[in-house]
Structure formats: C-alpha cells, structure tokens
Amino acid sequence: MGALRRIVGTVVIGALIAALLLAIWAMLRSRPQDLPWTPLDLGQPIGLFTGRKLTALGSDLPACRAALERAGVRHTLLPARREAQGCGYDNVVRFAAGGSRGLDFRPAGLAIACPVGAALAIWEWDVVQPAARELLGSRVVAVDHFGSYSCRRIYGRDTGNWSEHATANAVDVAGFRLADGRRITVVNDWRGQGPEARFLRAVRDGACRLFATTLSPDYNAAHRDHLHLDQAERGAMGWRACR
C-alpha cells in the first residue's frame, strides 16, 4: 500500500505541475483558450482547447447561445423536431442574413446545431477570411452548402449508425463566393497547386482545429464535392477526425 500511495502521489504532483506550467504558458501568450478551464469566447484566437469547448456546447444550449450573442452572431432558435425513425433535434439555430459578421450561407436559412454554428463563426473569422485575403486577394462574402439536417444513417445506409446530419450536428460546405465575383468550389478547385486549391486545403486544415470531424476529398469519393464538418460528441474529449 505504501508503494501505491507513493505512485498516486507522484501522479497527482505531476498533474498539478503540468497544469501550472500550462497556465503560465497560456498567460505568457495571452491566449486564454489554451487553458481547459477558461470560458469559451468566440472572439478569442483559436487555442489548444477551443475545439473541445465548442463540442462541449452540445450539452449546454444556453451557454452556446450566450456565446453566439456575445460575439454578435445574429440567430434564432428553432423549435425541437422529432421524426418517427428516431432522428431529430432540439438545439438548432438559424443564422440571420449576414449573421456571422456579414457572411451569408447559400441557400439561405441554414439550420444547424448550435455548436456547429459557433464553430462556423470562428472558422470564418480566424481561418476562412485570413486564408482568402492571403491566397486569393479577396474577401469571402458567402459560403455555399449542401445543407445540415437529414434524417439518415451514415452514407445513406439502411442500417448502422446515424449520421451526425440526423441531428443537424453537421454541415456540408460546397464552396465559397468572393467579393470580386469569383466562386471557389470543392468539386472543381480541390486538385492542383494553384491558389484556389491551397485556399481550400488551408480552410480544411483550419477546420480540423474547431470541429470534431472534418472530411474532404482526400478522405473518399463520397466527399469529392464538399467538406463535411461536424461536432460529434467524442470531440469534447479531444478525439478528432481530420482527413
């Protein structure tokens, strides 16, 4: 028993030291989102724990909506929905036109689980717009999408696990519209080494820091024309899929 107590004590002390060092490191960088215990602020730079905090909002709708409101993201809460097959949702928001600092989603009226919406807002501000300015020399004014809610199982199978789309906990991004009139699409611009392809890969890589699952044409043929972004529950534990 004495040896066990010493081992436990060593582990506890090690964990406390690690937490202290992490706190000091985060304070020196002035990045509160590098710490697991600070509240989520959508206006802060992306940190080590931003992705986990976003996914965790799935179990706290009031906190999620409060985060959107503090960040100035205009939205409405939709009524809960239940389907006979077993899918549906109860935490879905709809962005107002230009609700994410002037960015529109097309078709209009995108309805998504609140944690996905919060992640989309940060993705736009900290990933999409900087990459567009650097690589394309223009600003993104709209995101083209294939929708969010769909009462189906993974890959549309008759059996197996439900898709994250079955709870509106996912969105499929098809492309981007720029202020200068250009359209960048996953299906046409993913391949190659041009600025459009580099932009799409940059926004995919940035999404991997914010969403539990990020799937692109690099994953399989089913994703040849879109980026699949979701906040699967495992993301709150730091388990992410990025392909």
C-alpha atoms as a PDB file:
ATOM      1  CA  MET A   1       0.000   0.000   0.000  1.00  0.00           C
ATOM      2  CA  GLY A   2       2.868   2.355   0.731  1.00  0.00           C
ATOM      3  CA  ALA A   3       4.275   1.942  -2.769  1.00  0.00           C
ATOM      4  CA  LEU A   4       0.827   2.542  -4.282  1.00  0.00           C
ATOM      5  CA  ARG A   5       0.415   5.747  -2.269  1.00  0.00           C
ATOM      6  CA  ARG A   6       3.781   6.984  -3.478  1.00  0.00           C
ATOM      7  CA  ILE A   7       2.833   6.263  -7.101  1.00  0.00           C
ATOM      8  CA  VAL A   8      -0.507   8.038  -6.731  1.00  0.00           C
ATOM      9  CA  GLY A   9       1.168  10.963  -5.034  1.00  0.00           C
ATOM     10  CA  THR A  10       3.732  11.234  -7.815  1.00  0.00           C
ATOM     11  CA  VAL A  11       0.997  11.193 -10.463  1.00  0.00           C
ATOM     12  CA  VAL A  12      -1.009  13.884  -8.667  1.00  0.00           C
ATOM     13  CA  ILE A  13       2.029  16.119  -8.215  1.00  0.00           C
ATOM     14  CA  GLY A  14       2.957  15.628 -11.859  1.00  0.00           C
ATOM     15  CA  ALA A  15      -0.550  16.601 -12.970  1.00  0.00           C
ATOM     16  CA  LEU A  16      -0.504  19.731 -10.806  1.00  0.00           C
ATOM     17  CA  ILE A  17       2.881  20.767 -12.154  1.00  0.00           C
ATOM     18  CA  ALA A  18       1.689  20.195 -15.730  1.00  0.00           C
ATOM     19  CA  ALA A  19      -1.430  22.300 -15.102  1.00  0.00           C
ATOM     20  CA  LEU A  20       0.662  25.090 -13.567  1.00  0.00           C
ATOM     21  CA  LEU A  21       3.086  25.111 -16.492  1.00  0.00           C
ATOM     22  CA  LEU A  22       0.193  25.141 -18.962  1.00  0.00           C
ATOM     23  CA  ALA A  23      -1.381  28.091 -17.149  1.00  0.00           C
ATOM     24  CA  ILE A  24       1.888  30.041 -17.139  1.00  0.00           C
ATOM     25  CA  TRP A  25       2.447  29.280 -20.827  1.00  0.00           C
ATOM     26  CA  ALA A  26      -1.059  30.410 -21.757  1.00  0.00           C
ATOM     27  CA  MET A  27      -0.780  33.612 -19.733  1.00  0.00           C
ATOM     28  CA  LEU A  28       2.538  34.469 -21.351  1.00  0.00           C
ATOM     29  CA  ARG A  29       0.919  34.055 -24.771  1.00  0.00           C
ATOM     30  CA  SER A  30      -2.226  35.964 -23.673  1.00  0.00           C
ATOM     31  CA  ARG A  31      -4.336  33.135 -25.121  1.00  0.00           C
ATOM     32  CA  PRO A  32      -6.977  32.036 -22.593  1.00  0.00           C
ATOM     33  CA  GLN A  33      -8.311  29.378 -24.971  1.00  0.00           C
ATOM     34  CA  ASP A  34      -5.102  27.424 -24.426  1.00  0.00           C
ATOM     35  CA  LEU A  35      -6.486  26.560 -20.973  1.00  0.00           C
ATOM     36  CA  PRO A  36      -9.200  23.951 -20.395  1.00  0.00           C
ATOM     37  CA  TRP A  37     -10.913  25.805 -17.538  1.00  0.00           C
ATOM     38  CA  THR A  38     -11.423  29.241 -19.116  1.00  0.00           C
ATOM     39  CA  PRO A  39     -14.865  30.000 -20.594  1.00  0.00           C
ATOM     40  CA  LEU A  40     -15.231  29.848 -24.343  1.00  0.00           C
ATOM     41  CA  ASP A  41     -15.026  33.222 -26.074  1.00  0.00           C
ATOM     42  CA  LEU A  42     -15.677  33.082 -29.815  1.00  0.00           C
ATOM     43  CA  GLY A  43     -13.753  36.330 -30.247  1.00  0.00           C
ATOM     44  CA  GLN A  44     -10.506  34.927 -28.844  1.00  0.00           C
ATOM     45  CA  PRO A  45      -7.798  33.401 -31.070  1.00  0.00           C
ATOM     46  CA  ILE A  46      -8.062  29.637 -31.532  1.00  0.00           C
ATOM     47  CA  GLY A  47      -6.317  27.848 -28.673  1.00  0.00           C
ATOM     48  CA  LEU A  48      -5.440  24.320 -27.634  1.00  0.00           C
ATOM     49  CA  PHE A  49      -8.861  23.713 -26.066  1.00  0.00           C
ATOM     50  CA  THR A  50     -11.120  25.751 -28.349  1.00  0.00           C
ATOM     51  CA  GLY A  51     -12.266  22.683 -30.287  1.00  0.00           C
ATOM     52  CA  ARG A  52     -13.128  20.720 -27.162  1.00  0.00           C
ATOM     53  CA  LYS A  53     -15.058  23.627 -25.695  1.00  0.00           C
ATOM     54  CA  LEU A  54     -17.042  24.054 -28.893  1.00  0.00           C
ATOM     55  CA  THR A  55     -18.083  20.403 -28.952  1.00  0.00           C
ATOM     56  CA  ALA A  56     -18.965  20.521 -25.246  1.00  0.00           C
ATOM     57  CA  LEU A  57     -21.558  23.214 -26.025  1.00  0.00           C
ATOM     58  CA  GLY A  58     -23.734  20.412 -27.354  1.00  0.00           C
ATOM     59  CA  SER A  59     -24.771  19.628 -23.783  1.00  0.00           C
ATOM     60  CA  ASP A  60     -25.328  23.284 -22.796  1.00  0.00           C
ATOM     61  CA  LEU A  61     -27.587  25.125 -25.235  1.00  0.00           C
ATOM     62  CA  PRO A  62     -27.935  28.290 -23.073  1.00  0.00           C
ATOM     63  CA  ALA A  63     -24.135  28.615 -22.909  1.00  0.00           C
ATOM     64  CA  CYS A  64     -23.891  28.088 -26.665  1.00  0.00           C
ATOM     65  CA  ARG A  65     -26.465  30.745 -27.475  1.00  0.00           C
ATOM     66  CA  ALA A  66     -24.861  33.118 -24.987  1.00  0.00           C
ATOM     67  CA  ALA A  67     -21.507  32.650 -26.732  1.00  0.00           C
ATOM     68  CA  LEU A  68     -23.105  33.490 -30.095  1.00  0.00           C
ATOM     69  CA  GLU A  69     -24.804  36.564 -28.670  1.00  0.00           C
ATOM     70  CA  ARG A  70     -21.624  37.869 -27.020  1.00  0.00           C
ATOM     71  CA  ALA A  71     -19.849  37.502 -30.366  1.00  0.00           C
ATOM     72  CA  GLY A  72     -22.587  39.382 -32.214  1.00  0.00           C
ATOM     73  CA  VAL A  73     -23.795  36.422 -34.284  1.00  0.00           C
ATOM     74  CA  ARG A  74     -27.468  37.090 -35.033  1.00  0.00           C
ATOM     75  CA  HIS A  75     -29.560  33.941 -34.934  1.00  0.00           C
ATOM     76  CA  THR A  76     -32.867  32.411 -33.918  1.00  0.00           C
ATOM     77  CA  LEU A  77     -33.587  29.183 -32.058  1.00  0.00           C
ATOM     78  CA  LEU A  78     -35.758  26.725 -33.977  1.00  0.00           C
ATOM     79  CA  PRO A  79     -38.446  24.529 -32.384  1.00  0.00           C
ATOM     80  CA  ALA A  80     -37.418  20.991 -31.496  1.00  0.00           C
ATOM     81  CA  ARG A  81     -38.102  18.347 -34.128  1.00  0.00           C
ATOM     82  CA  ARG A  82     -38.707  14.610 -33.777  1.00  0.00           C
ATOM     83  CA  GLU A  83     -39.118  12.051 -36.537  1.00  0.00           C
ATOM     84  CA  ALA A  84     -40.692   8.609 -36.334  1.00  0.00           C
ATOM     85  CA  GLN A  85     -37.429   6.997 -37.482  1.00  0.00           C
ATOM     86  CA  GLY A  86     -35.663   8.251 -34.356  1.00  0.00           C
ATOM     87  CA  CYS A  87     -33.805  11.320 -35.602  1.00  0.00           C
ATOM     88  CA  GLY A  88     -34.452  14.981 -34.950  1.00  0.00           C
ATOM     89  CA  TYR A  89     -33.003  17.871 -32.965  1.00  0.00           C
ATOM     90  CA  ASP A  90     -33.590  20.256 -30.075  1.00  0.00           C
ATOM     91  CA  ASN A  91     -30.624  22.663 -30.159  1.00  0.00           C
ATOM     92  CA  VAL A  92     -30.722  24.062 -33.673  1.00  0.00           C
ATOM     93  CA  VAL A  93     -30.188  27.704 -34.585  1.00  0.00           C
ATOM     94  CA  ARG A  94     -30.658  29.571 -37.838  1.00  0.00           C
ATOM     95  CA  PHE A  95     -28.300  32.386 -38.748  1.00  0.00           C
ATOM     96  CA  ALA A  96     -29.899  35.640 -39.814  1.00  0.00           C
ATOM     97  CA  ALA A  97     -28.816  37.030 -43.178  1.00  0.00           C
ATOM     98  CA  GLY A  98     -25.292  38.309 -42.612  1.00  0.00           C
ATOM     99  CA  GLY A  99     -25.497  36.922 -39.092  1.00  0.00           C
ATOM    100  CA  SER A 100     -21.846  35.968 -38.945  1.00  0.00           C
ATOM    101  CA  ARG A 101     -20.245  39.404 -39.367  1.00  0.00           C
ATOM    102  CA  GLY A 102     -21.711  39.901 -42.811  1.00  0.00           C
ATOM    103  CA  LEU A 103     -21.153  36.409 -44.196  1.00  0.00           C
ATOM    104  CA  ASP A 104     -24.125  34.693 -45.850  1.00  0.00           C
ATOM    105  CA  PHE A 105     -24.827  30.998 -46.295  1.00  0.00           C
ATOM    106  CA  ARG A 106     -26.419  29.894 -49.554  1.00  0.00           C
ATOM    107  CA  PRO A 107     -29.041  28.602 -49.815  1.00  0.00           C
ATOM    108  CA  ALA A 108     -30.278  30.975 -47.133  1.00  0.00           C
ATOM    109  CA  GLY A 109     -31.840  29.749 -43.925  1.00  0.00           C
ATOM    110  CA  LEU A 110     -29.151  27.255 -42.890  1.00  0.00           C
ATOM    111  CA  ALA A 111     -30.328  25.494 -39.713  1.00  0.00           C
ATOM    112  CA  ILE A 112     -27.550  23.868 -37.686  1.00  0.00           C
ATOM    113  CA  ALA A 113     -26.843  22.566 -34.202  1.00  0.00           C
ATOM    114  CA  CYS A 114     -25.644  25.459 -32.071  1.00  0.00           C
ATOM    115  CA  PRO A 115     -22.086  24.096 -31.516  1.00  0.00           C
ATOM    116  CA  VAL A 116     -21.644  23.748 -35.285  1.00  0.00           C
ATOM    117  CA  GLY A 117     -22.794  27.341 -35.715  1.00  0.00           C
ATOM    118  CA  ALA A 118     -20.357  28.579 -33.070  1.00  0.00           C
ATOM    119  CA  ALA A 119     -17.503  26.734 -34.771  1.00  0.00           C
ATOM    120  CA  LEU A 120     -18.511  28.114 -38.179  1.00  0.00           C
ATOM    121  CA  ALA A 121     -18.312  31.647 -36.800  1.00  0.00           C
ATOM    122  CA  ILE A 122     -14.752  31.172 -35.503  1.00  0.00           C
ATOM    123  CA  TRP A 123     -13.810  29.326 -38.692  1.00  0.00           C
ATOM    124  CA  GLU A 124     -14.909  32.276 -40.789  1.00  0.00           C
ATOM    125  CA  TRP A 125     -13.158  34.907 -38.693  1.00  0.00           C
ATOM    126  CA  ASP A 126      -9.893  33.140 -37.878  1.00  0.00           C
ATOM    127  CA  VAL A 127      -9.435  30.728 -40.791  1.00  0.00           C
ATOM    128  CA  VAL A 128     -11.506  31.401 -43.909  1.00  0.00           C
ATOM    129  CA  GLN A 129     -11.154  35.172 -44.223  1.00  0.00           C
ATOM    130  CA  PRO A 130      -7.403  35.311 -43.451  1.00  0.00           C
ATOM    131  CA  ALA A 131      -6.743  32.499 -45.963  1.00  0.00           C
ATOM    132  CA  ALA A 132      -8.865  34.230 -48.610  1.00  0.00           C
ATOM    133  CA  ARG A 133      -7.013  37.521 -48.177  1.00  0.00           C
ATOM    134  CA  GLU A 134      -3.598  35.862 -48.271  1.00  0.00           C
ATOM    135  CA  LEU A 135      -4.121  33.333 -51.056  1.00  0.00           C
ATOM    136  CA  LEU A 136      -6.906  34.825 -53.179  1.00  0.00           C
ATOM    137  CA  GLY A 137      -6.585  38.541 -52.561  1.00  0.00           C
ATOM    138  CA  SER A 138     -10.263  38.969 -51.839  1.00  0.00           C
ATOM    139  CA  ARG A 139     -12.855  38.552 -49.096  1.00  0.00           C
ATOM    140  CA  VAL A 140     -15.376  35.707 -48.798  1.00  0.00           C
ATOM    141  CA  VAL A 141     -18.935  37.039 -48.856  1.00  0.00           C
ATOM    142  CA  ALA A 142     -20.874  33.755 -48.887  1.00  0.00           C
ATOM    143  CA  VAL A 143     -20.498  30.046 -48.238  1.00  0.00           C
ATOM    144  CA  ASP A 144     -22.288  27.570 -50.498  1.00  0.00           C
ATOM    145  CA  HIS A 145     -23.524  24.477 -48.678  1.00  0.00           C
ATOM    146  CA  PHE A 146     -25.422  21.244 -49.246  1.00  0.00           C
ATOM    147  CA  GLY A 147     -27.366  21.556 -46.001  1.00  0.00           C
ATOM    148  CA  SER A 148     -27.251  20.226 -42.482  1.00  0.00           C
ATOM    149  CA  TYR A 149     -30.257  18.246 -41.254  1.00  0.00           C
ATOM    150  CA  SER A 150     -31.018  14.957 -42.990  1.00  0.00           C
ATOM    151  CA  CYS A 151     -32.755  12.044 -41.285  1.00  0.00           C
ATOM    152  CA  ARG A 152     -30.423   9.309 -42.481  1.00  0.00           C
ATOM    153  CA  ARG A 153     -27.748   6.889 -41.424  1.00  0.00           C
ATOM    154  CA  ILE A 154     -24.083   7.160 -42.398  1.00  0.00           C
ATOM    155  CA  TYR A 155     -23.726   7.142 -46.198  1.00  0.00           C
ATOM    156  CA  GLY A 156     -27.486   6.670 -46.501  1.00  0.00           C
ATOM    157  CA  ARG A 157     -27.408   3.012 -45.479  1.00  0.00           C
ATOM    158  CA  ASP A 158     -30.495   1.202 -44.227  1.00  0.00           C
ATOM    159  CA  THR A 159     -28.769   0.067 -41.038  1.00  0.00           C
ATOM    160  CA  GLY A 160     -25.856   1.170 -38.898  1.00  0.00           C
ATOM    161  CA  ASN A 161     -25.016   4.328 -37.005  1.00  0.00           C
ATOM    162  CA  TRP A 162     -26.976   7.501 -37.533  1.00  0.00           C
ATOM    163  CA  SER A 163     -25.193  10.279 -39.382  1.00  0.00           C
ATOM    164  CA  GLU A 164     -24.432  13.477 -37.477  1.00  0.00           C
ATOM    165  CA  HIS A 165     -26.707  15.053 -40.079  1.00  0.00           C
ATOM    166  CA  ALA A 166     -29.602  13.206 -38.412  1.00  0.00           C
ATOM    167  CA  THR A 167     -29.410  15.711 -35.549  1.00  0.00           C
ATOM    168  CA  ALA A 168     -28.289  18.734 -37.658  1.00  0.00           C
ATOM    169  CA  ASN A 169     -24.909  18.353 -35.960  1.00  0.00           C
ATOM    170  CA  ALA A 170     -23.064  18.601 -39.281  1.00  0.00           C
ATOM    171  CA  VAL A 171     -22.859  20.806 -42.346  1.00  0.00           C
ATOM    172  CA  ASP A 172     -21.537  20.101 -45.840  1.00  0.00           C
ATOM    173  CA  VAL A 173     -19.651  23.052 -47.332  1.00  0.00           C
ATOM    174  CA  ALA A 174     -19.538  23.041 -51.143  1.00  0.00           C
ATOM    175  CA  GLY A 175     -17.680  26.261 -51.897  1.00  0.00           C
ATOM    176  CA  PHE A 176     -17.117  29.964 -51.359  1.00  0.00           C
ATOM    177  CA  ARG A 177     -18.115  33.191 -53.124  1.00  0.00           C
ATOM    178  CA  LEU A 178     -15.657  36.074 -53.148  1.00  0.00           C
ATOM    179  CA  ALA A 179     -16.235  39.824 -53.123  1.00  0.00           C
ATOM    180  CA  ASP A 180     -14.593  40.100 -56.548  1.00  0.00           C
ATOM    181  CA  GLY A 181     -17.180  37.747 -58.082  1.00  0.00           C
ATOM    182  CA  ARG A 182     -15.168  34.527 -58.162  1.00  0.00           C
ATOM    183  CA  ARG A 183     -16.575  31.210 -56.928  1.00  0.00           C
ATOM    184  CA  ILE A 184     -14.315  28.579 -55.407  1.00  0.00           C
ATOM    185  CA  THR A 185     -15.812  25.079 -55.309  1.00  0.00           C
ATOM    186  CA  VAL A 186     -14.523  21.903 -53.739  1.00  0.00           C
ATOM    187  CA  VAL A 187     -15.504  19.787 -56.731  1.00  0.00           C
ATOM    188  CA  ASN A 188     -13.647  21.945 -59.267  1.00  0.00           C
ATOM    189  CA  ASP A 189     -10.773  23.513 -57.339  1.00  0.00           C
ATOM    190  CA  TRP A 190      -9.545  20.950 -54.826  1.00  0.00           C
ATOM    191  CA  ARG A 191      -6.900  19.376 -57.042  1.00  0.00           C
ATOM    192  CA  GLY A 192      -3.687  21.037 -58.130  1.00  0.00           C
ATOM    193  CA  GLN A 193      -1.280  23.548 -56.626  1.00  0.00           C
ATOM    194  CA  GLY A 194      -2.964  26.799 -57.588  1.00  0.00           C
ATOM    195  CA  PRO A 195      -4.133  29.428 -55.089  1.00  0.00           C
ATOM    196  CA  GLU A 196      -7.694  28.065 -55.135  1.00  0.00           C
ATOM    197  CA  ALA A 197      -6.543  24.579 -54.150  1.00  0.00           C
ATOM    198  CA  ARG A 198      -4.201  25.968 -51.490  1.00  0.00           C
ATOM    199  CA  PHE A 199      -7.064  28.030 -50.094  1.00  0.00           C
ATOM    200  CA  LEU A 200      -9.377  25.022 -49.853  1.00  0.00           C
ATOM    201  CA  ARG A 201      -6.724  22.947 -48.108  1.00  0.00           C
ATOM    202  CA  ALA A 202      -5.967  25.795 -45.714  1.00  0.00           C
ATOM    203  CA  VAL A 203      -9.604  26.122 -44.672  1.00  0.00           C
ATOM    204  CA  ARG A 204      -9.855  22.319 -44.334  1.00  0.00           C
ATOM    205  CA  ASP A 205      -6.789  22.243 -42.082  1.00  0.00           C
ATOM    206  CA  GLY A 206      -8.126  25.123 -40.009  1.00  0.00           C
ATOM    207  CA  ALA A 207     -11.483  23.384 -39.602  1.00  0.00           C
ATOM    208  CA  CYS A 208      -9.694  20.397 -38.081  1.00  0.00           C
ATOM    209  CA  ARG A 209      -8.879  22.559 -35.044  1.00  0.00           C
ATOM    210  CA  LEU A 210     -12.520  23.511 -34.480  1.00  0.00           C
ATOM    211  CA  PHE A 211     -14.698  20.564 -35.498  1.00  0.00           C
ATOM    212  CA  ALA A 212     -14.743  17.018 -34.143  1.00  0.00           C
ATOM    213  CA  THR A 213     -14.843  15.689 -37.709  1.00  0.00           C
ATOM    214  CA  THR A 214     -13.509  17.304 -40.878  1.00  0.00           C
ATOM    215  CA  LEU A 215     -13.710  15.234 -44.075  1.00  0.00           C
ATOM    216  CA  SER A 216     -12.602  16.358 -47.539  1.00  0.00           C
ATOM    217  CA  PRO A 217     -11.990  14.832 -50.986  1.00  0.00           C
ATOM    218  CA  ASP A 218      -8.776  13.406 -49.515  1.00  0.00           C
ATOM    219  CA  TYR A 219     -10.961  11.055 -47.450  1.00  0.00           C
ATOM    220  CA  ASN A 220     -13.055   9.277 -50.085  1.00  0.00           C
ATOM    221  CA  ALA A 221     -15.102   9.743 -53.245  1.00  0.00           C
ATOM    222  CA  ALA A 222     -18.269  10.449 -51.257  1.00  0.00           C
ATOM    223  CA  HIS A 223     -16.689  13.753 -50.200  1.00  0.00           C
ATOM    224  CA  ARG A 224     -15.322  14.718 -53.610  1.00  0.00           C
ATOM    225  CA  ASP A 225     -17.533  17.820 -53.786  1.00  0.00           C
ATOM    226  CA  HIS A 226     -17.721  19.098 -50.215  1.00  0.00           C
ATOM    227  CA  LEU A 227     -16.153  19.480 -46.792  1.00  0.00           C
ATOM    228  CA  HIS A 228     -18.083  17.624 -44.092  1.00  0.00           C
ATOM    229  CA  LEU A 229     -17.860  19.417 -40.730  1.00  0.00           C
ATOM    230  CA  ASP A 230     -19.467  18.078 -37.559  1.00  0.00           C
ATOM    231  CA  GLN A 231     -19.296  18.236 -33.781  1.00  0.00           C
ATOM    232  CA  ALA A 232     -19.551  14.558 -32.853  1.00  0.00           C
ATOM    233  CA  GLU A 233     -19.629  14.082 -29.096  1.00  0.00           C
ATOM    234  CA  ARG A 234     -16.172  12.458 -28.976  1.00  0.00           C
ATOM    235  CA  GLY A 235     -14.695  15.852 -29.861  1.00  0.00           C
ATOM    236  CA  ALA A 236     -15.267  17.059 -26.299  1.00  0.00           C
ATOM    237  CA  MET A 237     -12.609  14.519 -25.246  1.00  0.00           C
ATOM    238  CA  GLY A 238     -10.202  15.671 -27.906  1.00  0.00           C
ATOM    239  CA  TRP A 239     -10.805  12.772 -30.333  1.00  0.00           C
ATOM    240  CA  ARG A 240     -10.821  14.330 -33.777  1.00  0.00           C
ATOM    241  CA  ALA A 241     -11.012  13.007 -37.320  1.00  0.00           C
ATOM    242  CA  CYS A 242      -9.263  15.127 -39.948  1.00  0.00           C
ATOM    243  CA  ARG A 243      -8.945  13.791 -43.484  1.00  0.00           C
END
